[in-house]
């Protein structure tokens, strides 16, 4: 019998501490491991790794304040939250953004809204709709 590794994603960050803190608080998760160049957040059935961009690459670009949403990327993480409203407040307090309530929509028993982290990486938060 084979066992599969936990699925997950890696997000590369210019400011490891800031981006790790953002996801840890947004997802109400705890870092299970951290080193100088990465942090691992464990969610049920999913592992999110925040990895520092190499210094020689990070020095070649700046992150705007507020960050510009990098919507041209081919991937958008779908992340579970208990409340989009609370996620919106948390994101704003940590340099990210979740779009206003009028941009929310419903799909497959979830309320959904797009946003971005403190470095402009596009995310989507999903809240289960109670029956």
C-alpha atoms as a PDB file:
ATOM      1  CA  UNK A   1       0.000   0.000   0.000  1.00  0.00           C
ATOM      2  CA  UNK A   2       1.437   3.360  -0.949  1.00  0.00           C
ATOM      3  CA  UNK A   3       0.874   6.552   0.971  1.00  0.00           C
ATOM      4  CA  UNK A   4       0.815   9.902  -0.746  1.00  0.00           C
ATOM      5  CA  UNK A   5       2.523  12.998   0.594  1.00  0.00           C
ATOM      6  CA  UNK A   6       0.309  15.841   1.778  1.00  0.00           C
ATOM      7  CA  UNK A   7      -0.629  18.129  -1.133  1.00  0.00           C
ATOM      8  CA  UNK A   8       0.368  21.740  -0.862  1.00  0.00           C
ATOM      9  CA  UNK A   9       1.817  24.820  -2.459  1.00  0.00           C
ATOM     10  CA  UNK A  10       4.935  26.960  -2.215  1.00  0.00           C
ATOM     11  CA  UNK A  11       4.726  30.749  -2.224  1.00  0.00           C
ATOM     12  CA  UNK A  12       7.973  32.625  -2.784  1.00  0.00           C
ATOM     13  CA  UNK A  13       8.224  35.808  -0.731  1.00  0.00           C
ATOM     14  CA  UNK A  14      10.511  38.811  -0.713  1.00  0.00           C
ATOM     15  CA  UNK A  15       9.615  39.475   2.953  1.00  0.00           C
ATOM     16  CA  UNK A  16       9.371  35.997   4.484  1.00  0.00           C
ATOM     17  CA  UNK A  17       8.300  37.186   7.930  1.00  0.00           C
ATOM     18  CA  UNK A  18       5.522  39.464   6.660  1.00  0.00           C
ATOM     19  CA  UNK A  19       4.072  36.963   4.186  1.00  0.00           C
ATOM     20  CA  UNK A  20       4.298  34.060   6.665  1.00  0.00           C
ATOM     21  CA  UNK A  21       2.492  36.105   9.311  1.00  0.00           C
ATOM     22  CA  UNK A  22      -0.208  37.052   6.785  1.00  0.00           C
ATOM     23  CA  UNK A  23      -1.035  33.452   5.886  1.00  0.00           C
ATOM     24  CA  UNK A  24      -0.697  32.176   9.447  1.00  0.00           C
ATOM     25  CA  UNK A  25      -3.269  34.677  10.704  1.00  0.00           C
ATOM     26  CA  UNK A  26      -5.538  34.589   7.645  1.00  0.00           C
ATOM     27  CA  UNK A  27      -5.782  30.797   7.776  1.00  0.00           C
ATOM     28  CA  UNK A  28      -5.777  30.597  11.581  1.00  0.00           C
ATOM     29  CA  UNK A  29      -2.887  28.181  11.291  1.00  0.00           C
ATOM     30  CA  UNK A  30       0.317  27.610  13.203  1.00  0.00           C
ATOM     31  CA  UNK A  31       3.766  27.307  11.695  1.00  0.00           C
ATOM     32  CA  UNK A  32       4.860  23.710  12.235  1.00  0.00           C
ATOM     33  CA  UNK A  33       8.414  24.398  11.143  1.00  0.00           C
ATOM     34  CA  UNK A  34      10.442  27.493  10.365  1.00  0.00           C
ATOM     35  CA  UNK A  35      13.992  28.127   9.220  1.00  0.00           C
ATOM     36  CA  UNK A  36      15.775  31.281   8.071  1.00  0.00           C
ATOM     37  CA  UNK A  37      14.533  30.774   4.518  1.00  0.00           C
ATOM     38  CA  UNK A  38      11.114  29.109   4.854  1.00  0.00           C
ATOM     39  CA  UNK A  39       8.046  28.570   7.032  1.00  0.00           C
ATOM     40  CA  UNK A  40       5.653  25.616   6.854  1.00  0.00           C
ATOM     41  CA  UNK A  41       1.974  26.070   7.699  1.00  0.00           C
ATOM     42  CA  UNK A  42      -0.136  22.936   8.131  1.00  0.00           C
ATOM     43  CA  UNK A  43      -3.829  22.891   7.354  1.00  0.00           C
ATOM     44  CA  UNK A  44      -6.013  19.793   7.334  1.00  0.00           C
ATOM     45  CA  UNK A  45      -4.924  17.886   4.213  1.00  0.00           C
ATOM     46  CA  UNK A  46      -2.803  20.778   2.868  1.00  0.00           C
ATOM     47  CA  UNK A  47       0.661  22.195   3.518  1.00  0.00           C
ATOM     48  CA  UNK A  48       1.553  25.787   2.643  1.00  0.00           C
ATOM     49  CA  UNK A  49       5.260  26.578   2.427  1.00  0.00           C
ATOM     50  CA  UNK A  50       6.370  30.208   2.382  1.00  0.00           C
ATOM     51  CA  UNK A  51       9.901  30.326   0.974  1.00  0.00           C
ATOM     52  CA  UNK A  52      12.222  33.332   0.855  1.00  0.00           C
ATOM     53  CA  UNK A  53      13.222  34.521  -2.591  1.00  0.00           C
ATOM     54  CA  UNK A  54      16.997  34.353  -3.037  1.00  0.00           C
ATOM     55  CA  UNK A  55      18.587  37.667  -2.012  1.00  0.00           C
ATOM     56  CA  UNK A  56      20.196  38.244  -5.413  1.00  0.00           C
ATOM     57  CA  UNK A  57      16.770  37.925  -7.064  1.00  0.00           C
ATOM     58  CA  UNK A  58      14.848  39.824  -4.365  1.00  0.00           C
ATOM     59  CA  UNK A  59      17.198  42.790  -4.784  1.00  0.00           C
ATOM     60  CA  UNK A  60      16.121  43.194  -8.420  1.00  0.00           C
ATOM     61  CA  UNK A  61      12.534  44.290  -7.723  1.00  0.00           C
ATOM     62  CA  UNK A  62      10.392  46.250  -5.269  1.00  0.00           C
ATOM     63  CA  UNK A  63       6.940  45.531  -3.842  1.00  0.00           C
ATOM     64  CA  UNK A  64       4.686  48.591  -4.073  1.00  0.00           C
ATOM     65  CA  UNK A  65       2.841  49.889  -1.017  1.00  0.00           C
ATOM     66  CA  UNK A  66       0.028  48.996  -1.301  1.00  0.00           C
ATOM     67  CA  UNK A  67       1.078  45.996  -3.378  1.00  0.00           C
ATOM     68  CA  UNK A  68      -0.097  45.714  -6.966  1.00  0.00           C
ATOM     69  CA  UNK A  69      -2.210  42.604  -7.509  1.00  0.00           C
ATOM     70  CA  UNK A  70      -0.310  40.244  -9.786  1.00  0.00           C
ATOM     71  CA  UNK A  71      -3.339  39.006 -11.701  1.00  0.00           C
ATOM     72  CA  UNK A  72      -1.363  37.840 -14.719  1.00  0.00           C
ATOM     73  CA  UNK A  73      -0.231  34.660 -12.958  1.00  0.00           C
ATOM     74  CA  UNK A  74      -1.614  31.308 -14.065  1.00  0.00           C
ATOM     75  CA  UNK A  75      -2.384  30.019 -10.561  1.00  0.00           C
ATOM     76  CA  UNK A  76      -4.703  31.260  -7.822  1.00  0.00           C
ATOM     77  CA  UNK A  77      -4.729  29.533  -4.435  1.00  0.00           C
ATOM     78  CA  UNK A  78      -8.180  28.709  -3.036  1.00  0.00           C
ATOM     79  CA  UNK A  79      -7.949  28.978   0.735  1.00  0.00           C
ATOM     80  CA  UNK A  80     -10.508  28.032   3.400  1.00  0.00           C
ATOM     81  CA  UNK A  81     -11.578  30.652   5.941  1.00  0.00           C
ATOM     82  CA  UNK A  82     -14.280  30.563   8.601  1.00  0.00           C
ATOM     83  CA  UNK A  83     -15.473  34.063   7.689  1.00  0.00           C
ATOM     84  CA  UNK A  84     -14.718  36.169   4.622  1.00  0.00           C
ATOM     85  CA  UNK A  85     -15.610  39.282   6.599  1.00  0.00           C
ATOM     86  CA  UNK A  86     -13.026  38.448   9.277  1.00  0.00           C
ATOM     87  CA  UNK A  87     -10.509  37.446   6.596  1.00  0.00           C
ATOM     88  CA  UNK A  88     -11.019  40.848   4.962  1.00  0.00           C
ATOM     89  CA  UNK A  89     -10.157  42.609   8.247  1.00  0.00           C
ATOM     90  CA  UNK A  90      -7.153  40.369   8.913  1.00  0.00           C
ATOM     91  CA  UNK A  91      -5.820  40.827   5.378  1.00  0.00           C
ATOM     92  CA  UNK A  92      -6.130  44.613   5.592  1.00  0.00           C
ATOM     93  CA  UNK A  93      -4.327  44.721   8.949  1.00  0.00           C
ATOM     94  CA  UNK A  94      -1.398  42.726   7.538  1.00  0.00           C
ATOM     95  CA  UNK A  95      -0.846  44.510   4.231  1.00  0.00           C
ATOM     96  CA  UNK A  96      -3.027  42.319   2.015  1.00  0.00           C
ATOM     97  CA  UNK A  97      -6.514  42.806   0.613  1.00  0.00           C
ATOM     98  CA  UNK A  98      -9.752  40.861   0.174  1.00  0.00           C
ATOM     99  CA  UNK A  99     -12.191  42.491  -2.247  1.00  0.00           C
ATOM    100  CA  UNK A 100     -15.325  44.212  -0.909  1.00  0.00           C
ATOM    101  CA  UNK A 101     -18.457  42.196  -0.096  1.00  0.00           C
ATOM    102  CA  UNK A 102     -20.155  43.277  -3.325  1.00  0.00           C
ATOM    103  CA  UNK A 103     -17.519  41.213  -5.214  1.00  0.00           C
ATOM    104  CA  UNK A 104     -18.392  37.985  -3.388  1.00  0.00           C
ATOM    105  CA  UNK A 105     -20.196  35.187  -5.191  1.00  0.00           C
ATOM    106  CA  UNK A 106     -21.502  31.724  -4.353  1.00  0.00           C
ATOM    107  CA  UNK A 107     -20.434  28.439  -5.901  1.00  0.00           C
ATOM    108  CA  UNK A 108     -20.710  24.829  -4.715  1.00  0.00           C
ATOM    109  CA  UNK A 109     -21.957  25.641  -1.203  1.00  0.00           C
ATOM    110  CA  UNK A 110     -19.280  28.292  -0.641  1.00  0.00           C
ATOM    111  CA  UNK A 111     -19.154  32.071  -0.519  1.00  0.00           C
ATOM    112  CA  UNK A 112     -16.057  33.157  -2.439  1.00  0.00           C
ATOM    113  CA  UNK A 113     -14.001  36.322  -2.800  1.00  0.00           C
ATOM    114  CA  UNK A 114     -10.676  37.166  -4.430  1.00  0.00           C
ATOM    115  CA  UNK A 115      -7.845  39.140  -2.911  1.00  0.00           C
ATOM    116  CA  UNK A 116      -4.074  39.266  -2.603  1.00  0.00           C
ATOM    117  CA  UNK A 117      -1.347  38.904  -0.019  1.00  0.00           C
ATOM    118  CA  UNK A 118       1.135  41.637   1.051  1.00  0.00           C
ATOM    119  CA  UNK A 119       3.265  40.989  -2.035  1.00  0.00           C
ATOM    120  CA  UNK A 120       0.403  40.994  -4.541  1.00  0.00           C
ATOM    121  CA  UNK A 121       0.045  37.215  -4.958  1.00  0.00           C
ATOM    122  CA  UNK A 122      -3.560  36.530  -5.960  1.00  0.00           C
ATOM    123  CA  UNK A 123      -5.634  34.386  -3.600  1.00  0.00           C
ATOM    124  CA  UNK A 124      -9.236  33.328  -3.300  1.00  0.00           C
ATOM    125  CA  UNK A 125     -10.867  32.815   0.093  1.00  0.00           C
ATOM    126  CA  UNK A 126     -13.793  30.431   0.518  1.00  0.00           C
ATOM    127  CA  UNK A 127     -16.286  30.260   3.352  1.00  0.00           C
ATOM    128  CA  UNK A 128     -18.677  27.301   3.609  1.00  0.00           C
ATOM    129  CA  UNK A 129     -22.303  28.452   3.508  1.00  0.00           C
ATOM    130  CA  UNK A 130     -24.255  27.023   6.434  1.00  0.00           C
ATOM    131  CA  UNK A 131     -27.353  25.077   5.527  1.00  0.00           C
END
